Amino acid sequence: MSAQTPIGGSAELLRVTDLVKHFRSPRAARRRGQAIVHALCSASFSVGPAETLGIVGESGSGKTTLLRTILGLQQPTSGQVLFLGQDVSQRKGATARALQQEISVVFQDPYTSLDPRMTVADLLAEPMRIHRLPVDGARARTLLDQVRLPATSLRKFPHEFSGGQRQRIAIARALALNPKLIVLDEPVSALDVSVQAEVLTLLKELQRERQVSYLFVAHDLAVVADISHRVGVMYGGQLVELGPTKQVIGEPAHPYTRELLAAVPVPDPRIERAKPRMLQRRWPTETDGLPPCPHGDAL
């Protein structure tokens, strides 16, 4: 597992400070005394220019809630998300539209994130039409060339491509507006291992060429470590560890990080059998080194 070297400056592009998101439990859960779900508790981190921050954690750890709050799709209970120094939650109208040009998203499943009724040319032109920008055929061909697809792809529909090719189209669409930050939500988890490596290599090359930043979210620590300059580990709604990739992988400080590392498959069966088993648990306790959320239960 290896991470690339950061190539950006030191100025912050994205700053997340003490981000908290609570949800009301369903009625049945409230009758059992579980009134509030602490989906996200005191998450704090930053992303710099041309930097990749990887966020890793199991299902239910709070990764999706974190992304939706950063993208402004839901309001935080408390805390702040600043993009280029401006509060995301306070952006309305024209300023919100400007934010959408500066932050793009690549989703997990390339089979459902592309409209099957649209050609590739229409898919790449759609962001420009939404933001009332000139639709340029030459621009679409350049985007396809950057993701290593031929210009003849423009006339085809998504069902005519493999999963890896569809994800390349999704990446090209995310690049259409020249964003400063791309949020990648499990972008390779639906792909074969060999195709995963190709897409990760492509993302690294695009970052070097375009100086774009990535917020890369996944449940596979090996994948996150391969592409990220820094890694954050989420567990139970909290960011339990954050640091340079080599430090987090080589000297993990939190027990849960060590468990994630132990879960990475090793091709030697003797080493695999000697690994410690993952703890079977539904939710963290104080004995796991994770205190309860200190921000109260009031919504």
Protein backbone atom coordinates (compact mmCIF):
# COMPACT_ATOMS: atom_id res chain seq x y z
CA MET A 1 0.00 0.00 0.00
CA SER A 2 1.46 3.33 -1.02
CA ALA A 3 0.21 6.87 -1.28
CA GLN A 4 1.24 9.53 -3.71
CA THR A 5 3.11 12.67 -2.69
CA PRO A 6 1.03 15.86 -2.24
CA ILE A 7 1.59 18.41 -4.98
CA GLY A 8 -0.59 21.28 -3.79
CA GLY A 9 0.09 24.30 -1.64
CA SER A 10 -0.66 24.68 2.07
CA ALA A 11 -3.83 26.83 1.76
CA GLU A 12 -7.06 25.08 2.76
CA LEU A 13 -9.73 24.32 0.19
CA LEU A 14 -12.21 22.63 2.54
CA ARG A 15 -12.40 23.03 6.32
CA VAL A 16 -14.77 20.93 8.45
CA THR A 17 -14.97 21.97 12.12
CA ASP A 18 -16.74 20.05 14.92
CA LEU A 19 -19.39 18.75 12.52
CA VAL A 20 -22.34 17.11 14.31
CA LYS A 21 -25.44 15.50 12.80
CA HIS A 22 -28.19 13.91 14.90
CA PHE A 23 -31.34 12.17 13.64
CA ARG A 24 -34.55 11.34 15.44
CA SER A 25 -35.02 7.60 15.80
CA PRO A 26 -38.15 5.84 14.45
CA ARG A 27 -41.08 5.73 16.85
CA ALA A 28 -40.39 2.13 17.93
CA ALA A 29 -36.81 2.99 18.84
CA ARG A 30 -37.96 6.05 20.79
CA ARG A 31 -40.24 3.84 22.89
CA ARG A 32 -37.14 1.87 23.86
CA GLY A 33 -35.47 5.08 24.99
CA GLN A 34 -33.31 5.53 21.87
CA ALA A 35 -34.60 8.97 20.91
CA ILE A 36 -31.59 10.28 19.02
CA VAL A 37 -29.07 8.70 16.65
CA HIS A 38 -25.65 10.35 16.80
CA ALA A 39 -24.81 9.81 13.12
CA LEU A 40 -21.90 12.25 13.16
CA CYS A 41 -20.06 13.64 16.17
CA SER A 42 -17.37 16.34 16.21
CA ALA A 43 -15.74 15.57 12.85
CA SER A 44 -12.93 18.00 12.07
CA PHE A 45 -10.47 17.96 9.15
CA SER A 46 -9.27 19.95 6.15
CA VAL A 47 -8.44 19.30 2.49
CA GLY A 48 -5.79 21.31 0.69
CA PRO A 49 -5.28 22.04 -3.03
CA ALA A 50 -4.34 18.95 -5.10
CA GLU A 51 -4.60 16.79 -1.99
CA THR A 52 -6.48 13.52 -1.48
CA LEU A 53 -8.01 12.90 1.92
CA GLY A 54 -9.27 9.35 2.30
CA ILE A 55 -12.08 8.57 4.73
CA VAL A 56 -12.44 4.89 5.61
CA GLY A 57 -14.92 3.04 7.81
CA GLU A 58 -17.45 0.23 7.83
CA SER A 59 -21.12 0.57 6.87
CA GLY A 60 -22.93 2.72 9.42
CA SER A 61 -19.81 4.55 10.54
CA GLY A 62 -21.13 7.92 9.35
CA LYS A 63 -19.35 8.29 6.00
CA THR A 64 -22.47 8.98 3.94
CA THR A 65 -23.84 11.43 6.51
CA LEU A 66 -20.50 13.23 6.43
CA LEU A 67 -20.59 13.54 2.64
CA ARG A 68 -24.22 14.68 2.48
CA THR A 69 -23.56 17.37 5.09
CA ILE A 70 -20.42 18.59 3.34
CA LEU A 71 -22.28 18.79 0.02
CA GLY A 72 -25.05 20.84 1.64
CA LEU A 73 -27.69 18.14 1.05
CA GLN A 74 -28.59 18.19 4.76
CA GLN A 75 -28.13 20.76 7.49
CA PRO A 76 -25.71 19.96 10.33
CA THR A 77 -26.97 19.84 13.90
CA SER A 78 -23.94 21.95 14.78
CA GLY A 79 -20.47 22.65 13.48
CA GLN A 80 -19.32 24.25 10.27
CA VAL A 81 -18.28 23.36 6.72
CA LEU A 82 -16.23 26.02 4.97
CA PHE A 83 -15.34 25.81 1.27
CA LEU A 84 -12.92 28.50 0.15
CA GLY A 85 -13.71 30.29 3.40
CA GLN A 86 -17.50 30.38 2.91
CA ASP A 87 -20.03 28.44 4.97
CA VAL A 88 -21.65 25.78 2.75
CA SER A 89 -24.89 25.71 4.77
CA GLN A 90 -25.38 29.46 4.29
CA ARG A 91 -25.07 29.42 0.51
CA LYS A 92 -28.37 30.14 -1.24
CA GLY A 93 -29.44 30.89 -4.81
CA ALA A 94 -26.58 32.04 -7.02
CA THR A 95 -23.92 31.29 -4.39
CA ALA A 96 -25.24 27.73 -4.02
CA ARG A 97 -25.09 27.32 -7.80
CA ALA A 98 -21.50 28.55 -7.78
CA LEU A 99 -20.67 25.95 -5.13
CA GLN A 100 -22.09 23.23 -7.36
CA GLN A 101 -19.62 24.24 -10.05
CA GLU A 102 -16.68 24.04 -7.65
CA ILE A 103 -17.54 20.64 -6.09
CA SER A 104 -18.39 17.56 -8.16
CA VAL A 105 -19.37 14.03 -7.12
CA VAL A 106 -18.61 10.56 -8.45
CA PHE A 107 -21.01 7.96 -7.07
CA GLN A 108 -20.47 4.33 -6.17
CA ASP A 109 -22.51 2.52 -8.79
CA PRO A 110 -21.72 3.40 -12.43
CA TYR A 111 -24.77 1.41 -13.54
CA THR A 112 -27.29 3.68 -11.81
CA SER A 113 -25.51 7.05 -11.76
CA LEU A 114 -25.78 7.51 -15.54
CA ASP A 115 -29.15 8.08 -17.22
CA PRO A 116 -29.63 5.12 -19.62
CA ARG A 117 -31.72 7.28 -21.99
CA MET A 118 -28.92 9.78 -22.63
CA THR A 119 -25.93 9.43 -24.92
CA VAL A 120 -22.46 10.12 -23.55
CA ALA A 121 -22.49 13.46 -25.39
CA ASP A 122 -25.67 14.45 -23.58
CA LEU A 123 -24.33 13.23 -20.22
CA LEU A 124 -21.20 15.36 -20.56
CA ALA A 125 -23.17 18.38 -21.80
CA GLU A 126 -25.78 18.22 -19.03
CA PRO A 127 -23.68 19.96 -16.31
CA MET A 128 -22.89 22.78 -18.73
CA ARG A 129 -26.54 23.21 -19.69
CA ILE A 130 -27.64 23.25 -16.04
CA HIS A 131 -25.16 26.04 -15.29
CA ARG A 132 -25.99 27.91 -18.50
CA LEU A 133 -22.50 27.48 -19.94
CA PRO A 134 -21.73 27.04 -23.65
CA VAL A 135 -22.03 23.40 -24.75
CA ASP A 136 -18.88 22.62 -26.67
CA GLY A 137 -18.43 19.35 -28.60
CA ALA A 138 -14.65 19.80 -28.57
CA ARG A 139 -14.79 20.08 -24.79
CA ALA A 140 -16.64 16.75 -24.58
CA ARG A 141 -14.04 15.04 -26.77
CA THR A 142 -11.25 16.44 -24.60
CA LEU A 143 -12.93 15.10 -21.46
CA LEU A 144 -13.21 11.64 -22.98
CA ASP A 145 -9.57 11.75 -24.03
CA GLN A 146 -8.56 12.65 -20.47
CA VAL A 147 -10.33 9.55 -19.09
CA ARG A 148 -8.83 7.38 -21.87
CA LEU A 149 -11.99 6.78 -23.91
CA PRO A 150 -12.29 7.27 -27.71
CA ALA A 151 -14.31 10.12 -29.18
CA THR A 152 -16.63 7.57 -30.83
CA SER A 153 -18.05 6.97 -27.33
CA LEU A 154 -20.01 10.23 -27.60
CA ARG A 155 -22.71 8.62 -29.75
CA LYS A 156 -23.20 5.59 -27.48
CA PHE A 157 -25.48 4.92 -24.52
CA PRO A 158 -24.34 3.78 -21.04
CA HIS A 159 -25.50 0.17 -21.55
CA GLU A 160 -22.91 -0.21 -24.34
CA PHE A 161 -20.02 0.14 -21.88
CA SER A 162 -18.45 -2.02 -19.19
CA GLY A 163 -18.58 -1.01 -15.52
CA GLY A 164 -15.07 0.45 -15.60
CA GLN A 165 -15.83 2.44 -18.75
CA ARG A 166 -19.04 3.77 -17.22
CA GLN A 167 -17.12 4.97 -14.19
CA ARG A 168 -14.66 6.72 -16.50
CA ILE A 169 -17.64 8.49 -18.10
CA ALA A 170 -18.86 9.49 -14.63
CA ILE A 171 -15.40 10.89 -13.85
CA ALA A 172 -15.40 12.83 -17.14
CA ARG A 173 -18.80 14.29 -16.25
CA ALA A 174 -17.48 15.29 -12.82
CA LEU A 175 -14.62 17.14 -14.54
CA ALA A 176 -16.90 18.98 -16.98
CA LEU A 177 -17.10 22.20 -14.91
CA ASN A 178 -13.42 22.25 -13.85
CA PRO A 179 -14.18 21.70 -10.14
CA LYS A 180 -11.66 22.37 -7.41
CA LEU A 181 -12.87 19.40 -5.32
CA ILE A 182 -14.29 16.02 -6.35
CA VAL A 183 -16.09 13.91 -3.76
CA LEU A 184 -15.63 10.23 -4.60
CA ASP A 185 -18.16 8.02 -2.82
CA GLU A 186 -16.94 4.39 -3.00
CA PRO A 187 -15.95 4.96 -6.66
CA VAL A 188 -14.30 1.56 -7.24
CA SER A 189 -16.15 -0.79 -4.89
CA ALA A 190 -18.48 -2.03 -7.68
CA LEU A 191 -15.57 -2.81 -10.03
CA ASP A 192 -13.31 -5.83 -10.51
CA VAL A 193 -9.93 -5.64 -8.78
CA SER A 194 -7.95 -5.13 -12.01
CA VAL A 195 -10.35 -2.39 -13.12
CA GLN A 196 -10.10 -0.78 -9.67
CA ALA A 197 -6.34 -0.39 -10.16
CA GLU A 198 -6.85 1.22 -13.57
CA VAL A 199 -9.39 3.73 -12.23
CA LEU A 200 -7.20 4.62 -9.23
CA THR A 201 -4.23 5.19 -11.55
CA LEU A 202 -6.41 7.40 -13.76
CA LEU A 203 -7.53 9.48 -10.76
CA LYS A 204 -3.90 10.05 -9.71
CA GLU A 205 -2.95 11.13 -13.25
CA LEU A 206 -5.91 13.52 -13.45
CA GLN A 207 -4.94 15.05 -10.12
CA ARG A 208 -1.41 15.72 -11.34
CA GLU A 209 -2.67 17.19 -14.61
CA ARG A 210 -5.54 19.29 -13.26
CA GLN A 211 -4.46 20.04 -9.66
CA VAL A 212 -7.88 18.90 -8.41
CA SER A 213 -8.49 17.78 -4.81
CA TYR A 214 -10.26 14.57 -3.81
CA LEU A 215 -12.31 13.59 -0.80
CA PHE A 216 -12.18 9.82 -1.28
CA VAL A 217 -14.58 7.74 0.81
CA ALA A 218 -14.46 3.93 0.97
CA HIS A 219 -14.66 0.94 3.30
CA ASP A 220 -11.50 -0.69 1.89
CA LEU A 221 -8.43 0.56 3.74
CA ALA A 222 -6.04 -0.83 1.12
CA VAL A 223 -7.75 1.17 -1.65
CA VAL A 224 -7.85 4.36 0.44
CA ALA A 225 -4.18 4.02 1.38
CA ASP A 226 -3.15 3.60 -2.26
CA ILE A 227 -4.54 6.95 -3.39
CA SER A 228 -4.60 9.18 -0.28
CA HIS A 229 -2.07 11.63 1.10
CA ARG A 230 -3.85 11.53 4.47
CA VAL A 231 -6.32 9.05 5.93
CA GLY A 232 -9.17 9.56 8.38
CA VAL A 233 -10.76 6.55 10.10
CA MET A 234 -14.45 6.78 11.04
CA TYR A 235 -16.15 4.61 13.63
CA GLY A 236 -19.49 5.10 15.35
CA GLY A 237 -19.96 8.57 13.86
CA GLN A 238 -16.59 9.82 15.05
CA LEU A 239 -13.29 10.44 13.29
CA VAL A 240 -11.17 8.28 15.60
CA GLU A 241 -7.86 8.69 13.76
CA LEU A 242 -6.47 11.15 11.23
CA GLY A 243 -2.97 11.55 9.87
CA PRO A 244 -0.53 11.02 7.00
CA THR A 245 -1.15 7.72 5.24
CA LYS A 246 2.20 6.17 6.15
CA GLN A 247 1.66 7.01 9.82
CA VAL A 248 -1.90 5.67 10.01
CA ILE A 249 -0.99 2.48 8.13
CA GLY A 250 2.42 1.93 9.71
CA GLU A 251 1.66 2.97 13.30
CA PRO A 252 -2.12 2.90 13.84
CA ALA A 253 -3.07 4.52 17.14
CA HIS A 254 -6.68 3.38 17.50
CA PRO A 255 -7.79 -0.24 18.06
CA TYR A 256 -10.37 0.02 15.29
CA THR A 257 -7.71 1.09 12.77
CA ARG A 258 -5.67 -1.96 13.73
CA GLU A 259 -8.74 -4.13 13.15
CA LEU A 260 -9.25 -2.63 9.68
CA LEU A 261 -5.62 -3.38 8.82
CA ALA A 262 -6.02 -6.95 10.08
CA ALA A 263 -9.05 -7.35 7.79
CA VAL A 264 -6.97 -6.69 4.64
CA PRO A 265 -6.51 -10.11 2.94
CA VAL A 266 -3.00 -11.60 2.80
CA PRO A 267 -2.14 -14.25 0.16
CA ASP A 268 -0.34 -16.44 2.76
CA PRO A 269 -2.88 -18.73 4.53
CA ARG A 270 -0.63 -19.14 7.58
CA ILE A 271 -0.47 -15.39 8.14
CA GLU A 272 -4.19 -15.08 7.43
CA ARG A 273 -5.09 -17.72 10.07
CA ALA A 274 -2.87 -16.02 12.66
CA LYS A 275 -4.63 -12.67 12.33
CA PRO A 276 -6.79 -11.48 15.25
CA ARG A 277 -10.51 -11.76 14.62
CA MET A 278 -12.60 -8.65 14.15
CA LEU A 279 -14.68 -7.85 17.20
CA GLN A 280 -18.39 -8.60 16.75
CA ARG A 281 -20.31 -5.51 17.90
CA ARG A 282 -23.19 -3.35 16.80
CA TRP A 283 -22.11 0.00 18.23
CA PRO A 284 -19.02 1.33 20.02
CA THR A 285 -18.76 1.61 23.78
CA GLU A 286 -16.41 3.53 26.06
CA THR A 287 -14.28 0.38 26.41
CA ASP A 288 -13.46 0.74 22.69
CA GLY A 289 -11.80 4.08 23.41
CA LEU A 290 -14.76 5.99 21.98
CA PRO A 291 -16.67 8.16 24.48
CA PRO A 292 -20.34 9.06 23.98
CA CYS A 293 -21.07 12.09 21.82
CA PRO A 294 -20.71 15.11 24.13
CA HIS A 295 -23.14 17.30 22.17
CA GLY A 296 -26.34 16.23 23.89
CA ASP A 297 -29.55 14.67 22.62
CA ALA A 298 -31.55 17.77 21.72
CA LEU A 299 -32.34 18.41 18.09
